[in-house]
C-alpha atoms as a PDB file:
ATOM      1  CA  GLU A   1      82.206  99.592  75.886  1.00  0.00           C
ATOM      2  CA  GLU A   2      81.936  97.423  78.991  1.00  0.00           C
ATOM      3  CA  LEU A   3      83.932  94.718  77.235  1.00  0.00           C
ATOM      4  CA  LEU A   4      86.683  97.230  76.465  1.00  0.00           C
ATOM      5  CA  ALA A   5      86.767  98.399  80.085  1.00  0.00           C
ATOM      6  CA  GLN A   6      87.004  94.794  81.270  1.00  0.00           C
ATOM      7  CA  PHE A   7      89.815  94.125  78.792  1.00  0.00           C
ATOM      8  CA  MET A   8      91.682  97.222  79.942  1.00  0.00           C
ATOM      9  CA  GLN A   9      91.284  96.211  83.595  1.00  0.00           C
ATOM     10  CA  THR A  10      92.604  92.711  82.881  1.00  0.00           C
ATOM     11  CA  THR A  11      95.497  94.116  80.874  1.00  0.00           C
ATOM     12  CA  MET A  12      96.443  96.539  83.657  1.00  0.00           C
ATOM     13  CA  SER A  13      96.292  93.719  86.192  1.00  0.00           C
ATOM     14  CA  HIS A  14      98.609  91.572  84.082  1.00  0.00           C
ATOM     15  CA  GLN A  15     100.952  94.526  83.547  1.00  0.00           C
ATOM     16  CA  LYS A  16     101.230  95.118  87.308  1.00  0.00           C
ATOM     17  CA  SER A  17     101.925  91.432  87.860  1.00  0.00           C
ATOM     18  CA  THR A  18     104.581  91.446  85.149  1.00  0.00           C
ATOM     19  CA  ASP A  19     106.188  94.561  86.629  1.00  0.00           C
ATOM     20  CA  ALA A  20     106.371  92.865  90.046  1.00  0.00           C
ATOM     21  CA  VAL A  21     107.960  89.751  88.553  1.00  0.00           C
ATOM     22  CA  ILE A  22     110.528  91.825  86.659  1.00  0.00           C
ATOM     23  CA  GLN A  23     111.385  93.780  89.794  1.00  0.00           C
ATOM     24  CA  ASN A  24     111.847  90.505  91.697  1.00  0.00           C
ATOM     25  CA  LEU A  25     114.155  89.200  88.953  1.00  0.00           C
ATOM     26  CA  GLU A  26     116.174  92.419  89.049  1.00  0.00           C
ATOM     27  CA  VAL A  27     116.667  92.007  92.801  1.00  0.00           C
ATOM     28  CA  GLN A  28     117.723  88.374  92.366  1.00  0.00           C
ATOM     29  CA  MET A  29     120.157  89.276  89.578  1.00  0.00           C
ATOM     30  CA  GLY A  30     121.648  91.962  91.807  1.00  0.00           C
ATOM     31  CA  GLN A  31     122.090  89.432  94.603  1.00  0.00           C
ATOM     32  CA  LEU A  32     123.754  86.955  92.236  1.00  0.00           C
ATOM     33  CA  ALA A  33     126.067  89.646  90.867  1.00  0.00           C
ATOM     34  CA  LYS A  34     127.056  90.589  94.417  1.00  0.00           C
ATOM     35  CA  GLN A  35     127.774  86.945  95.309  1.00  0.00           C
ATOM     36  CA  MET A  36     129.844  86.476  92.161  1.00  0.00           C
ATOM     37  CA  ALA A  37     131.836  89.641  92.900  1.00  0.00           C
ATOM     38  CA  GLU A  38     132.570  88.462  96.451  1.00  0.00           C
ATOM     39  CA  LYS A  39     133.624  84.962  95.342  1.00  0.00           C
ATOM     40  CA  PRO A  40     137.394  84.473  95.199  1.00  0.00           C
ATOM     41  CA  THR A  41     138.596  83.945  91.651  1.00  0.00           C
ATOM     42  CA  GLY A  42     140.202  80.695  90.602  1.00  0.00           C
ATOM     43  CA  THR A  43     138.444  78.510  93.158  1.00  0.00           C
ATOM     44  CA  PHE A  44     135.666  75.945  92.945  1.00  0.00           C
ATOM     45  CA  ARG A  45     132.681  75.994  95.288  1.00  0.00           C
ATOM     46  CA  ALA A  46     132.512  72.204  95.405  1.00  0.00           C
ATOM     47  CA  ASN A  47     135.065  69.944  96.973  1.00  0.00           C
ATOM     48  CA  THR A  48     137.072  68.345  94.216  1.00  0.00           C
ATOM     49  CA  GLU A  49     139.052  65.151  94.444  1.00  0.00           C
ATOM     50  CA  LYS A  50     142.415  64.794  92.828  1.00  0.00           C
ATOM     51  CA  ASN A  51     142.681  61.899  90.407  1.00  0.00           C
ATOM     52  CA  PRO A  52     144.592  59.258  92.407  1.00  0.00           C
ATOM     53  CA  LYS A  53     146.525  58.108  89.358  1.00  0.00           C
ATOM     54  CA  GLU A  54     146.957  61.660  88.075  1.00  0.00           C
ATOM     55  CA  GLU A  55     146.362  60.574  84.502  1.00  0.00           C
ATOM     56  CA  CYS A  56     143.609  59.820  82.051  1.00  0.00           C
ATOM     57  CA  LYS A  57     143.830  56.614  80.059  1.00  0.00           C
ATOM     58  CA  ALA A  58     140.605  56.755  78.051  1.00  0.00           C
ATOM     59  CA  VAL A  59     137.803  59.128  77.160  1.00  0.00           C
ATOM     60  CA  VAL A  60     134.278  58.002  76.210  1.00  0.00           C
ATOM     61  CA  THR A  61     132.185  60.447  74.189  1.00  0.00           C
ATOM     62  CA  ARG A  62     128.392  60.763  74.097  1.00  0.00           C
ATOM     63  CA  SER A  63     128.355  58.736  70.896  1.00  0.00           C
ATOM     64  CA  GLN A  64     130.064  55.964  72.898  1.00  0.00           C
ATOM     65  CA  LYS A  65     133.331  56.293  70.984  1.00  0.00           C
ATOM     66  CA  GLN A  66     136.219  55.490  73.244  1.00  0.00           C
ATOM     67  CA  GLU A  67     139.588  57.080  72.681  1.00  0.00           C
ATOM     68  CA  ASP A  68     142.793  55.715  74.129  1.00  0.00           C
ATOM     69  CA  VAL A  69     144.516  58.867  75.338  1.00  0.00           C
ATOM     70  CA  GLU A  70     147.941  57.284  75.814  1.00  0.00           C
ATOM     71  CA  ALA A  71     148.098  55.914  72.272  1.00  0.00           C
ATOM     72  CA  ASN A  72     145.886  58.724  70.913  1.00  0.00           C
ATOM     73  CA  ARG A  73     143.700  56.353  68.930  1.00  0.00           C
ATOM     74  CA  VAL A  74     139.986  55.625  68.644  1.00  0.00           C
ATOM     75  CA  LEU A  75     139.013  52.216  70.044  1.00  0.00           C
ATOM     76  CA  GLN A  76     135.274  52.299  69.030  1.00  0.00           C
END
C-alpha cells in the first residue's frame, strides 16, 4: 500500500513536470508562429551574395560525382 502511494506520488510529480514542459512548448510554438506571420514573404533572413559570374559550371554531389552543367554530362 505504501509502495502504491509512493508510485502514485512519483507519477503525479512526473505528470506535473510534463504538463509544464508541454505548456512551455506551446508558448514557444505560438511565438514562432507569430514571428513567421510577421516575416515578409519572399525574403531571406540572411544576407545572400549574388554569384559574381552568374552561372554554375559544375555540381558535385554527396557521392562525389561531378556534373558539368554546361555540357550536361557526368565527369566522375
